[in-house]
Amino acid sequence: MTTAPLNLPALQLDYDAGTFTNTLTGEFGPEITAVVLAYREGRILWPSAGELPRLPLCVDGSTYGPCPCAFADWGKDGAAPDCAEDITLLLWQDDNAQVVTLAARRSMTRVLEQYLNMKALLGGVLHDQVVTLRMTPGDGLHRLTLLPGASLASDVQDRLATVAQRVIGDERGAWGGL
């Protein structure tokens, strides 16, 4: 077994094309089916408008350390604040038997917050049902949508709870010690 830091595959969102791309397999498509194992809320600090490269300066939970930023007001010209919220989901994809992450930023977090709040109201178990995540055409860009699906059998839920614990509790930092 390796002792190198774990780097989980991610689902990258392309809001222009309306696709998810798996960084491990290179596969892409407009929707994915998965089970939510866990989530993490964070912040991302972006460079000021006009600064290049337009890559995050820091992301909570990353190797760059926590983001020491307060949420700023939207700019007078409608520009997004330099510090933005994000939600990262830890997902199990049964089709190809893998754990992946999906990070939603800015306004795309709302749909995930609604789902997570609904799950909390219903007992707090995340890994008890399948969800479908879709990129749906919107005004100019595609938007992220989440459709709750079928409930899972208790033995499948138990197996996925074990998978989640392995990833979350891994000392190599796979999930940032959630």
C-alpha atoms as a PDB file:
ATOM      1  CA  MET A   1       0.000   0.000   0.000  1.00  0.00           C
ATOM      2  CA  THR A   2       1.287   3.469  -0.880  1.00  0.00           C
ATOM      3  CA  THR A   3       1.788   6.232   1.658  1.00  0.00           C
ATOM      4  CA  ALA A   4       1.563   9.072  -0.882  1.00  0.00           C
ATOM      5  CA  PRO A   5      -1.189  11.665  -0.408  1.00  0.00           C
ATOM      6  CA  LEU A   6      -4.464  10.512  -1.876  1.00  0.00           C
ATOM      7  CA  ASN A   7      -5.862  12.488  -4.785  1.00  0.00           C
ATOM      8  CA  LEU A   8      -9.450  11.544  -5.528  1.00  0.00           C
ATOM      9  CA  PRO A   9     -10.800  11.814  -9.068  1.00  0.00           C
ATOM     10  CA  ALA A  10     -13.160  14.731  -9.564  1.00  0.00           C
ATOM     11  CA  LEU A  11     -16.110  15.555 -11.730  1.00  0.00           C
ATOM     12  CA  GLN A  12     -15.323  18.829 -13.478  1.00  0.00           C
ATOM     13  CA  LEU A  13     -18.287  20.960 -14.471  1.00  0.00           C
ATOM     14  CA  ASP A  14     -18.325  22.725 -17.828  1.00  0.00           C
ATOM     15  CA  TYR A  15     -21.176  25.222 -17.543  1.00  0.00           C
ATOM     16  CA  ASP A  16     -20.832  26.321 -21.181  1.00  0.00           C
ATOM     17  CA  ALA A  17     -21.034  22.824 -22.686  1.00  0.00           C
ATOM     18  CA  GLY A  18     -23.322  21.412 -19.980  1.00  0.00           C
ATOM     19  CA  THR A  19     -21.143  18.416 -19.169  1.00  0.00           C
ATOM     20  CA  PHE A  20     -19.437  16.622 -16.299  1.00  0.00           C
ATOM     21  CA  THR A  21     -15.952  15.261 -17.018  1.00  0.00           C
ATOM     22  CA  ASN A  22     -14.396  12.549 -14.862  1.00  0.00           C
ATOM     23  CA  THR A  23     -10.715  13.442 -14.299  1.00  0.00           C
ATOM     24  CA  LEU A  24      -9.782   9.762 -13.892  1.00  0.00           C
ATOM     25  CA  THR A  25     -11.516   8.215 -16.877  1.00  0.00           C
ATOM     26  CA  GLY A  26     -11.935  11.223 -19.190  1.00  0.00           C
ATOM     27  CA  GLU A  27     -15.569  10.253 -19.681  1.00  0.00           C
ATOM     28  CA  PHE A  28     -18.034  13.107 -19.985  1.00  0.00           C
ATOM     29  CA  GLY A  29     -21.769  13.594 -20.265  1.00  0.00           C
ATOM     30  CA  PRO A  30     -24.687  15.818 -19.286  1.00  0.00           C
ATOM     31  CA  GLU A  31     -25.644  13.764 -16.210  1.00  0.00           C
ATOM     32  CA  ILE A  32     -24.306  11.350 -13.628  1.00  0.00           C
ATOM     33  CA  THR A  33     -25.916   8.924 -11.233  1.00  0.00           C
ATOM     34  CA  ALA A  34     -24.326   8.555  -7.818  1.00  0.00           C
ATOM     35  CA  VAL A  35     -24.830   8.249  -4.065  1.00  0.00           C
ATOM     36  CA  VAL A  36     -23.788  11.147  -1.812  1.00  0.00           C
ATOM     37  CA  LEU A  37     -21.423   9.810   0.858  1.00  0.00           C
ATOM     38  CA  ALA A  38     -20.446  13.091   2.524  1.00  0.00           C
ATOM     39  CA  TYR A  39     -20.092  16.799   1.900  1.00  0.00           C
ATOM     40  CA  ARG A  40     -17.832  19.644   2.909  1.00  0.00           C
ATOM     41  CA  GLU A  41     -18.599  23.364   2.885  1.00  0.00           C
ATOM     42  CA  GLY A  42     -15.769  25.737   2.171  1.00  0.00           C
ATOM     43  CA  ARG A  43     -14.596  28.988   0.712  1.00  0.00           C
ATOM     44  CA  ILE A  44     -12.538  29.932  -2.293  1.00  0.00           C
ATOM     45  CA  LEU A  45     -10.503  33.121  -2.565  1.00  0.00           C
ATOM     46  CA  TRP A  46     -10.195  34.362  -6.148  1.00  0.00           C
ATOM     47  CA  PRO A  47      -7.765  36.984  -7.452  1.00  0.00           C
ATOM     48  CA  SER A  48      -9.200  40.462  -7.962  1.00  0.00           C
ATOM     49  CA  ALA A  49     -11.004  41.110 -11.223  1.00  0.00           C
ATOM     50  CA  GLY A  50      -8.550  41.460 -14.084  1.00  0.00           C
ATOM     51  CA  GLU A  51      -5.721  39.545 -12.373  1.00  0.00           C
ATOM     52  CA  LEU A  52      -4.396  36.564 -14.296  1.00  0.00           C
ATOM     53  CA  PRO A  53      -4.286  33.664 -14.064  1.00  0.00           C
ATOM     54  CA  ARG A  54      -7.907  33.464 -12.922  1.00  0.00           C
ATOM     55  CA  LEU A  55      -7.209  30.469 -10.660  1.00  0.00           C
ATOM     56  CA  PRO A  56      -8.177  30.268  -6.975  1.00  0.00           C
ATOM     57  CA  LEU A  57      -5.616  31.741  -4.566  1.00  0.00           C
ATOM     58  CA  CYS A  58      -6.727  29.335  -1.864  1.00  0.00           C
ATOM     59  CA  VAL A  59      -9.416  26.754  -1.259  1.00  0.00           C
ATOM     60  CA  ASP A  60     -10.474  25.553   2.188  1.00  0.00           C
ATOM     61  CA  GLY A  61      -9.181  22.063   2.760  1.00  0.00           C
ATOM     62  CA  SER A  62      -6.506  22.296   0.087  1.00  0.00           C
ATOM     63  CA  THR A  63      -2.768  22.057   0.497  1.00  0.00           C
ATOM     64  CA  TYR A  64      -2.690  25.862   0.325  1.00  0.00           C
ATOM     65  CA  GLY A  65      -4.376  26.108   3.697  1.00  0.00           C
ATOM     66  CA  PRO A  66      -7.596  27.733   4.808  1.00  0.00           C
ATOM     67  CA  CYS A  67      -8.909  30.867   3.141  1.00  0.00           C
ATOM     68  CA  PRO A  68      -8.686  33.810   5.552  1.00  0.00           C
ATOM     69  CA  CYS A  69     -11.414  35.744   3.787  1.00  0.00           C
ATOM     70  CA  ALA A  70     -14.765  37.165   4.731  1.00  0.00           C
ATOM     71  CA  PHE A  71     -17.597  37.085   2.247  1.00  0.00           C
ATOM     72  CA  ALA A  72     -17.620  40.386   0.385  1.00  0.00           C
ATOM     73  CA  ASP A  73     -20.534  42.226  -1.144  1.00  0.00           C
ATOM     74  CA  TRP A  74     -21.128  41.944  -4.856  1.00  0.00           C
ATOM     75  CA  GLY A  75     -19.381  44.690  -6.799  1.00  0.00           C
ATOM     76  CA  LYS A  76     -21.174  47.759  -8.177  1.00  0.00           C
ATOM     77  CA  ASP A  77     -20.822  46.379 -11.687  1.00  0.00           C
ATOM     78  CA  GLY A  78     -22.329  42.990 -10.651  1.00  0.00           C
ATOM     79  CA  ALA A  79     -18.950  41.326 -10.235  1.00  0.00           C
ATOM     80  CA  ALA A  80     -18.845  38.320  -7.949  1.00  0.00           C
ATOM     81  CA  PRO A  81     -17.115  38.755  -4.585  1.00  0.00           C
ATOM     82  CA  ASP A  82     -13.465  37.704  -4.357  1.00  0.00           C
ATOM     83  CA  CYS A  83     -14.373  35.152  -1.684  1.00  0.00           C
ATOM     84  CA  ALA A  84     -17.079  32.651  -2.621  1.00  0.00           C
ATOM     85  CA  GLU A  85     -18.781  29.679  -0.998  1.00  0.00           C
ATOM     86  CA  ASP A  86     -18.406  26.171  -2.302  1.00  0.00           C
ATOM     87  CA  ILE A  87     -19.791  22.747  -1.470  1.00  0.00           C
ATOM     88  CA  THR A  88     -17.836  19.632  -2.326  1.00  0.00           C
ATOM     89  CA  LEU A  89     -19.700  16.336  -2.477  1.00  0.00           C
ATOM     90  CA  LEU A  90     -18.047  12.966  -1.985  1.00  0.00           C
ATOM     91  CA  LEU A  91     -19.899  10.655  -4.389  1.00  0.00           C
ATOM     92  CA  TRP A  92     -20.009   6.914  -5.039  1.00  0.00           C
ATOM     93  CA  GLN A  93     -20.594   5.961  -8.670  1.00  0.00           C
ATOM     94  CA  ASP A  94     -21.753   2.369  -8.785  1.00  0.00           C
ATOM     95  CA  ASP A  95     -21.482   1.994 -12.580  1.00  0.00           C
ATOM     96  CA  ASN A  96     -17.696   2.217 -12.504  1.00  0.00           C
ATOM     97  CA  ALA A  97     -17.220   1.464  -8.775  1.00  0.00           C
ATOM     98  CA  GLN A  98     -15.391   4.624  -7.814  1.00  0.00           C
ATOM     99  CA  VAL A  99     -15.420   7.476  -5.337  1.00  0.00           C
ATOM    100  CA  VAL A 100     -15.268  10.948  -6.921  1.00  0.00           C
ATOM    101  CA  THR A 101     -15.644  14.525  -5.754  1.00  0.00           C
ATOM    102  CA  LEU A 102     -17.799  17.257  -7.227  1.00  0.00           C
ATOM    103  CA  ALA A 103     -17.302  20.899  -6.243  1.00  0.00           C
ATOM    104  CA  ALA A 104     -20.089  23.398  -6.832  1.00  0.00           C
ATOM    105  CA  ARG A 105     -19.347  27.073  -6.505  1.00  0.00           C
ATOM    106  CA  ARG A 106     -21.268  30.322  -6.132  1.00  0.00           C
ATOM    107  CA  SER A 107     -24.913  30.029  -7.202  1.00  0.00           C
ATOM    108  CA  MET A 108     -24.573  26.319  -8.021  1.00  0.00           C
ATOM    109  CA  THR A 109     -24.385  25.572  -4.291  1.00  0.00           C
ATOM    110  CA  ARG A 110     -28.062  26.401  -3.760  1.00  0.00           C
ATOM    111  CA  VAL A 111     -29.416  23.195  -5.266  1.00  0.00           C
ATOM    112  CA  LEU A 112     -26.990  21.132  -3.179  1.00  0.00           C
ATOM    113  CA  GLU A 113     -27.856  23.059   0.000  1.00  0.00           C
ATOM    114  CA  GLN A 114     -31.563  22.364  -0.583  1.00  0.00           C
ATOM    115  CA  TYR A 115     -30.905  18.643  -0.984  1.00  0.00           C
ATOM    116  CA  LEU A 116     -28.610  18.480   2.063  1.00  0.00           C
ATOM    117  CA  ASN A 117     -31.155  20.384   4.179  1.00  0.00           C
ATOM    118  CA  MET A 118     -33.912  18.014   3.062  1.00  0.00           C
ATOM    119  CA  LYS A 119     -31.763  15.010   3.985  1.00  0.00           C
ATOM    120  CA  ALA A 120     -31.031  16.547   7.412  1.00  0.00           C
ATOM    121  CA  LEU A 121     -34.758  17.018   8.047  1.00  0.00           C
ATOM    122  CA  LEU A 122     -35.435  13.396   7.112  1.00  0.00           C
ATOM    123  CA  GLY A 123     -32.873  11.873   9.447  1.00  0.00           C
ATOM    124  CA  GLY A 124     -29.476  12.957   8.216  1.00  0.00           C
ATOM    125  CA  VAL A 125     -28.426   9.804   6.317  1.00  0.00           C
ATOM    126  CA  LEU A 126     -26.857  10.858   3.016  1.00  0.00           C
ATOM    127  CA  HIS A 127     -25.953   7.478   1.551  1.00  0.00           C
ATOM    128  CA  ASP A 128     -29.468   5.991   1.563  1.00  0.00           C
ATOM    129  CA  GLN A 129     -30.554   6.913  -1.981  1.00  0.00           C
ATOM    130  CA  VAL A 130     -29.336   7.371  -5.516  1.00  0.00           C
ATOM    131  CA  VAL A 131     -29.289  10.879  -7.006  1.00  0.00           C
ATOM    132  CA  THR A 132     -29.021  12.100 -10.567  1.00  0.00           C
ATOM    133  CA  LEU A 133     -26.989  15.255 -11.145  1.00  0.00           C
ATOM    134  CA  ARG A 134     -27.693  17.044 -14.408  1.00  0.00           C
ATOM    135  CA  MET A 135     -26.497  20.037 -16.332  1.00  0.00           C
ATOM    136  CA  THR A 136     -29.693  21.763 -17.462  1.00  0.00           C
ATOM    137  CA  PRO A 137     -29.718  24.577 -20.033  1.00  0.00           C
ATOM    138  CA  GLY A 138     -30.301  27.978 -18.465  1.00  0.00           C
ATOM    139  CA  ASP A 139     -29.904  31.612 -19.462  1.00  0.00           C
ATOM    140  CA  GLY A 140     -26.586  31.460 -21.276  1.00  0.00           C
ATOM    141  CA  LEU A 141     -24.933  28.818 -19.081  1.00  0.00           C
ATOM    142  CA  HIS A 142     -26.089  25.403 -17.930  1.00  0.00           C
ATOM    143  CA  ARG A 143     -27.109  25.045 -14.306  1.00  0.00           C
ATOM    144  CA  LEU A 144     -26.625  22.163 -11.935  1.00  0.00           C
ATOM    145  CA  THR A 145     -29.764  20.244 -10.936  1.00  0.00           C
ATOM    146  CA  LEU A 146     -30.140  17.332  -8.521  1.00  0.00           C
ATOM    147  CA  LEU A 147     -32.927  14.762  -8.718  1.00  0.00           C
ATOM    148  CA  PRO A 148     -33.416  12.410  -5.732  1.00  0.00           C
ATOM    149  CA  GLY A 149     -33.922   8.813  -6.786  1.00  0.00           C
ATOM    150  CA  ALA A 150     -34.550   5.348  -5.455  1.00  0.00           C
ATOM    151  CA  SER A 151     -33.830   4.362  -1.864  1.00  0.00           C
ATOM    152  CA  LEU A 152     -31.101   1.795  -1.333  1.00  0.00           C
ATOM    153  CA  ALA A 153     -31.397  -1.516   0.507  1.00  0.00           C
ATOM    154  CA  SER A 154     -29.975  -1.498   4.045  1.00  0.00           C
ATOM    155  CA  ASP A 155     -27.066  -3.810   3.134  1.00  0.00           C
ATOM    156  CA  VAL A 156     -26.013  -1.411   0.349  1.00  0.00           C
ATOM    157  CA  GLN A 157     -26.292   1.530   2.762  1.00  0.00           C
ATOM    158  CA  ASP A 158     -24.038  -0.310   5.235  1.00  0.00           C
ATOM    159  CA  ARG A 159     -21.459  -1.016   2.531  1.00  0.00           C
ATOM    160  CA  LEU A 160     -21.444   2.637   1.421  1.00  0.00           C
ATOM    161  CA  ALA A 161     -21.113   3.823   5.036  1.00  0.00           C
ATOM    162  CA  THR A 162     -17.928   1.727   5.250  1.00  0.00           C
ATOM    163  CA  VAL A 163     -16.615   3.223   1.984  1.00  0.00           C
ATOM    164  CA  ALA A 164     -17.328   6.750   3.265  1.00  0.00           C
ATOM    165  CA  GLN A 165     -15.528   6.074   6.560  1.00  0.00           C
ATOM    166  CA  ARG A 166     -12.465   4.746   4.731  1.00  0.00           C
ATOM    167  CA  VAL A 167     -12.179   7.858   2.570  1.00  0.00           C
ATOM    168  CA  ILE A 168     -13.068  10.389   5.263  1.00  0.00           C
ATOM    169  CA  GLY A 169     -10.834   8.811   7.890  1.00  0.00           C
ATOM    170  CA  ASP A 170      -7.808   8.172   5.658  1.00  0.00           C
ATOM    171  CA  GLU A 171      -4.706   9.610   7.318  1.00  0.00           C
ATOM    172  CA  ARG A 172      -3.258  10.597   3.915  1.00  0.00           C
ATOM    173  CA  GLY A 173      -5.747  13.456   3.639  1.00  0.00           C
ATOM    174  CA  ALA A 174      -8.036  12.182   0.909  1.00  0.00           C
ATOM    175  CA  TRP A 175     -10.952  14.182   2.189  1.00  0.00           C
ATOM    176  CA  GLY A 176      -9.252  16.713   4.407  1.00  0.00           C
ATOM    177  CA  GLY A 177     -10.271  15.167   7.722  1.00  0.00           C
ATOM    178  CA  LEU A 178     -13.985  15.899   7.394  1.00  0.00           C
END
